[in-house]
Amino acid sequence: MTLQQVGGAVLMALFLADIFLTILYARAGTGLLAPQWNRLVWLALKALSELFDLRRGAALSFAGPLIVILLIAFWALGLAVGAALVIQL
């Protein structure tokens, strides 16, 4: 095994552990990466909502579903990159 494959396996294990802790062991803030990712997305959406002035509340109402979609995409990307590092020839 090369160092690249080990790094990919570690990355996949990290993301799988985060998915387990976030979904299956659903206690507030137990995820490894998800809480920080969700906080980052929330802060970005909150800053973006400043553009909507009077409709700020309506714009922020989309934050929850968008955070879920972006979290799933974050996990998928992390697992894909990890798998690519493992199987790259």
N, C-alpha and C. Protein backbone atom coordinates (compact mmCIF):
# COMPACT_ATOMS: atom_id res chain seq x y z
N MET A 1 0.84 -1.19 0.00
CA MET A 1 0.00 0.00 0.00
C MET A 1 0.88 1.24 0.00
N THR A 2 0.51 2.19 -0.82
CA THR A 2 1.27 3.43 -0.87
C THR A 2 0.70 4.41 0.16
N LEU A 3 1.45 5.47 0.36
CA LEU A 3 1.00 6.51 1.30
C LEU A 3 -0.31 7.14 0.83
N GLN A 4 -0.46 7.26 -0.47
CA GLN A 4 -1.69 7.82 -1.06
C GLN A 4 -2.89 6.95 -0.74
N GLN A 5 -2.73 5.64 -0.84
CA GLN A 5 -3.82 4.73 -0.53
C GLN A 5 -4.16 4.74 0.95
N VAL A 6 -3.17 4.84 1.79
CA VAL A 6 -3.40 4.93 3.23
C VAL A 6 -4.15 6.22 3.56
N GLY A 7 -3.72 7.32 2.93
CA GLY A 7 -4.42 8.60 3.13
C GLY A 7 -5.87 8.54 2.69
N GLY A 8 -6.12 7.87 1.55
CA GLY A 8 -7.49 7.71 1.08
C GLY A 8 -8.33 6.88 2.03
N ALA A 9 -7.73 5.81 2.56
CA ALA A 9 -8.45 4.97 3.51
C ALA A 9 -8.76 5.73 4.80
N VAL A 10 -7.81 6.53 5.26
CA VAL A 10 -8.03 7.34 6.46
C VAL A 10 -9.11 8.37 6.21
N LEU A 11 -9.08 8.99 5.04
CA LEU A 11 -10.11 9.99 4.69
C LEU A 11 -11.49 9.34 4.65
N MET A 12 -11.58 8.17 4.04
CA MET A 12 -12.87 7.48 4.00
C MET A 12 -13.33 7.09 5.40
N ALA A 13 -12.42 6.61 6.23
CA ALA A 13 -12.78 6.25 7.60
C ALA A 13 -13.27 7.47 8.38
N LEU A 14 -12.62 8.61 8.16
CA LEU A 14 -13.03 9.84 8.84
C LEU A 14 -14.44 10.25 8.44
N PHE A 15 -14.73 10.21 7.13
CA PHE A 15 -16.06 10.59 6.68
C PHE A 15 -17.11 9.57 7.11
N LEU A 16 -16.78 8.28 7.07
CA LEU A 16 -17.73 7.27 7.53
C LEU A 16 -18.01 7.39 9.02
N ALA A 17 -16.99 7.70 9.80
CA ALA A 17 -17.19 7.92 11.23
C ALA A 17 -18.08 9.14 11.47
N ASP A 18 -17.87 10.19 10.67
CA ASP A 18 -18.69 11.39 10.80
C ASP A 18 -20.15 11.09 10.46
N ILE A 19 -20.37 10.32 9.40
CA ILE A 19 -21.74 9.94 9.03
C ILE A 19 -22.37 9.11 10.15
N PHE A 20 -21.64 8.15 10.69
CA PHE A 20 -22.16 7.33 11.78
C PHE A 20 -22.52 8.18 12.99
N LEU A 21 -21.60 9.04 13.39
CA LEU A 21 -21.86 9.84 14.58
C LEU A 21 -22.97 10.86 14.38
N THR A 22 -23.11 11.37 13.16
CA THR A 22 -24.13 12.38 12.89
C THR A 22 -25.51 11.78 12.73
N ILE A 23 -25.60 10.64 12.04
CA ILE A 23 -26.91 10.08 11.72
C ILE A 23 -27.32 8.98 12.70
N LEU A 24 -26.46 8.02 12.90
CA LEU A 24 -26.85 6.87 13.72
C LEU A 24 -26.69 7.10 15.21
N TYR A 25 -25.76 7.94 15.59
CA TYR A 25 -25.58 8.29 17.00
C TYR A 25 -25.96 9.77 17.13
N ALA A 26 -27.22 10.03 16.87
CA ALA A 26 -27.70 11.40 16.73
C ALA A 26 -27.84 12.11 18.07
N ARG A 27 -26.74 12.63 18.55
CA ARG A 27 -26.73 13.50 19.72
C ARG A 27 -26.18 14.83 19.23
N ALA A 28 -26.60 15.90 19.82
CA ALA A 28 -26.20 17.22 19.36
C ALA A 28 -24.68 17.39 19.42
N GLY A 29 -24.10 17.68 18.27
CA GLY A 29 -22.69 18.00 18.20
C GLY A 29 -21.73 16.83 18.30
N THR A 30 -22.19 15.59 18.04
CA THR A 30 -21.28 14.46 18.16
C THR A 30 -20.51 14.17 16.89
N GLY A 31 -20.88 14.77 15.77
CA GLY A 31 -20.16 14.53 14.53
C GLY A 31 -18.75 15.09 14.58
N LEU A 32 -17.90 14.57 13.73
CA LEU A 32 -16.52 15.04 13.68
C LEU A 32 -16.37 16.26 12.77
N LEU A 33 -16.95 16.17 11.58
CA LEU A 33 -16.84 17.24 10.59
C LEU A 33 -18.15 18.00 10.39
N ALA A 34 -19.26 17.30 10.54
CA ALA A 34 -20.57 17.88 10.23
C ALA A 34 -20.91 19.15 11.04
N PRO A 35 -20.66 19.20 12.34
CA PRO A 35 -21.03 20.42 13.07
C PRO A 35 -20.28 21.66 12.56
N GLN A 36 -19.00 21.51 12.26
CA GLN A 36 -18.24 22.65 11.73
C GLN A 36 -18.71 23.01 10.33
N TRP A 37 -18.98 22.00 9.50
CA TRP A 37 -19.47 22.24 8.15
C TRP A 37 -20.82 22.97 8.20
N ASN A 38 -21.73 22.49 9.04
CA ASN A 38 -23.05 23.12 9.15
C ASN A 38 -22.93 24.56 9.64
N ARG A 39 -22.04 24.81 10.59
CA ARG A 39 -21.83 26.16 11.09
C ARG A 39 -21.29 27.08 9.99
N LEU A 40 -20.36 26.57 9.20
CA LEU A 40 -19.79 27.34 8.10
C LEU A 40 -20.85 27.68 7.05
N VAL A 41 -21.67 26.71 6.70
CA VAL A 41 -22.74 26.94 5.72
C VAL A 41 -23.76 27.93 6.28
N TRP A 42 -24.11 27.80 7.56
CA TRP A 42 -25.05 28.71 8.18
C TRP A 42 -24.53 30.15 8.15
N LEU A 43 -23.27 30.32 8.50
CA LEU A 43 -22.70 31.67 8.49
C LEU A 43 -22.68 32.26 7.09
N ALA A 44 -22.38 31.43 6.10
CA ALA A 44 -22.39 31.91 4.71
C ALA A 44 -23.80 32.30 4.28
N LEU A 45 -24.78 31.48 4.63
CA LEU A 45 -26.16 31.80 4.26
C LEU A 45 -26.68 33.02 5.01
N LYS A 46 -26.27 33.16 6.25
CA LYS A 46 -26.68 34.32 7.03
C LYS A 46 -26.11 35.60 6.42
N ALA A 47 -24.85 35.56 6.01
CA ALA A 47 -24.25 36.72 5.36
C ALA A 47 -24.91 37.00 4.02
N LEU A 48 -25.25 35.94 3.29
CA LEU A 48 -25.91 36.10 1.99
C LEU A 48 -27.32 36.65 2.15
N SER A 49 -27.97 36.34 3.26
CA SER A 49 -29.35 36.81 3.47
C SER A 49 -29.42 38.32 3.68
N GLU A 50 -28.28 38.93 4.00
CA GLU A 50 -28.27 40.39 4.16
C GLU A 50 -28.66 41.09 2.85
N LEU A 51 -28.47 40.41 1.73
CA LEU A 51 -28.82 40.99 0.43
C LEU A 51 -30.33 41.10 0.24
N PHE A 52 -31.10 40.31 0.99
CA PHE A 52 -32.54 40.26 0.82
C PHE A 52 -33.30 41.19 1.75
N ASP A 53 -32.62 41.98 2.50
CA ASP A 53 -33.14 43.01 3.38
C ASP A 53 -34.51 42.70 3.98
N LEU A 54 -35.60 43.05 3.32
CA LEU A 54 -36.94 42.86 3.89
C LEU A 54 -37.37 41.40 3.91
N ARG A 55 -36.85 40.61 3.02
CA ARG A 55 -37.21 39.19 2.93
C ARG A 55 -36.15 38.29 3.56
N ARG A 56 -35.43 38.83 4.52
CA ARG A 56 -34.33 38.09 5.14
C ARG A 56 -34.83 36.80 5.80
N GLY A 57 -35.93 36.88 6.51
CA GLY A 57 -36.49 35.69 7.17
C GLY A 57 -36.89 34.62 6.17
N ALA A 58 -37.49 35.05 5.06
CA ALA A 58 -37.88 34.09 4.03
C ALA A 58 -36.66 33.44 3.40
N ALA A 59 -35.61 34.22 3.19
CA ALA A 59 -34.38 33.67 2.63
C ALA A 59 -33.73 32.68 3.60
N LEU A 60 -33.75 33.00 4.88
CA LEU A 60 -33.15 32.11 5.87
C LEU A 60 -33.98 30.84 6.10
N SER A 61 -35.25 30.86 5.70
CA SER A 61 -36.07 29.67 5.87
C SER A 61 -35.60 28.53 4.97
N PHE A 62 -34.84 28.85 3.94
CA PHE A 62 -34.28 27.82 3.07
C PHE A 62 -32.97 27.26 3.59
N ALA A 63 -32.46 27.82 4.67
CA ALA A 63 -31.15 27.42 5.19
C ALA A 63 -31.13 25.97 5.66
N GLY A 64 -32.14 25.53 6.37
CA GLY A 64 -32.18 24.16 6.88
C GLY A 64 -32.10 23.11 5.78
N PRO A 65 -33.02 23.15 4.82
CA PRO A 65 -32.94 22.18 3.73
C PRO A 65 -31.64 22.28 2.93
N LEU A 66 -31.16 23.48 2.73
CA LEU A 66 -29.92 23.65 1.98
C LEU A 66 -28.72 23.09 2.74
N ILE A 67 -28.71 23.26 4.06
CA ILE A 67 -27.64 22.69 4.87
C ILE A 67 -27.64 21.16 4.76
N VAL A 68 -28.81 20.54 4.77
CA VAL A 68 -28.89 19.09 4.66
C VAL A 68 -28.35 18.64 3.30
N ILE A 69 -28.77 19.30 2.23
CA ILE A 69 -28.31 18.94 0.88
C ILE A 69 -26.80 19.12 0.76
N LEU A 70 -26.28 20.24 1.27
CA LEU A 70 -24.85 20.49 1.17
C LEU A 70 -24.04 19.55 2.06
N LEU A 71 -24.60 19.11 3.18
CA LEU A 71 -23.91 18.16 4.04
C LEU A 71 -23.80 16.80 3.36
N ILE A 72 -24.87 16.36 2.71
CA ILE A 72 -24.83 15.10 1.97
C ILE A 72 -23.84 15.18 0.82
N ALA A 73 -23.81 16.31 0.13
CA ALA A 73 -22.84 16.51 -0.95
C ALA A 73 -21.41 16.52 -0.41
N PHE A 74 -21.21 17.13 0.76
CA PHE A 74 -19.90 17.17 1.41
C PHE A 74 -19.42 15.75 1.73
N TRP A 75 -20.32 14.95 2.30
CA TRP A 75 -19.98 13.56 2.61
C TRP A 75 -19.66 12.78 1.34
N ALA A 76 -20.49 12.95 0.32
CA ALA A 76 -20.28 12.21 -0.93
C ALA A 76 -18.94 12.59 -1.56
N LEU A 77 -18.62 13.87 -1.55
CA LEU A 77 -17.35 14.32 -2.12
C LEU A 77 -16.17 13.77 -1.32
N GLY A 78 -16.26 13.80 -0.01
CA GLY A 78 -15.19 13.26 0.83
C GLY A 78 -14.97 11.78 0.60
N LEU A 79 -16.06 11.01 0.50
CA LEU A 79 -15.93 9.58 0.24
C LEU A 79 -15.42 9.31 -1.17
N ALA A 80 -15.84 10.11 -2.13
CA ALA A 80 -15.38 9.94 -3.51
C ALA A 80 -13.89 10.23 -3.63
N VAL A 81 -13.43 11.29 -2.98
CA VAL A 81 -12.00 11.62 -3.02
C VAL A 81 -11.19 10.53 -2.32
N GLY A 82 -11.68 10.05 -1.19
CA GLY A 82 -11.00 8.97 -0.49
C GLY A 82 -10.91 7.71 -1.33
N ALA A 83 -12.00 7.35 -1.97
CA ALA A 83 -12.01 6.16 -2.83
C ALA A 83 -11.10 6.35 -4.04
N ALA A 84 -11.08 7.55 -4.59
CA ALA A 84 -10.21 7.82 -5.73
C ALA A 84 -8.74 7.70 -5.33
N LEU A 85 -8.40 8.12 -4.14
CA LEU A 85 -7.02 7.98 -3.67
C LEU A 85 -6.64 6.52 -3.47
N VAL A 86 -7.60 5.72 -3.03
CA VAL A 86 -7.33 4.31 -2.79
C VAL A 86 -7.15 3.55 -4.11
N ILE A 87 -8.00 3.80 -5.11
CA ILE A 87 -7.99 3.00 -6.33
C ILE A 87 -7.18 3.60 -7.47
N GLN A 88 -6.63 4.78 -7.29
CA GLN A 88 -5.85 5.41 -8.36
C GLN A 88 -4.63 4.55 -8.69
N LEU A 89 -4.41 4.37 -9.97
CA LEU A 89 -3.27 3.53 -10.41
C LEU A 89 -2.04 4.36 -10.61
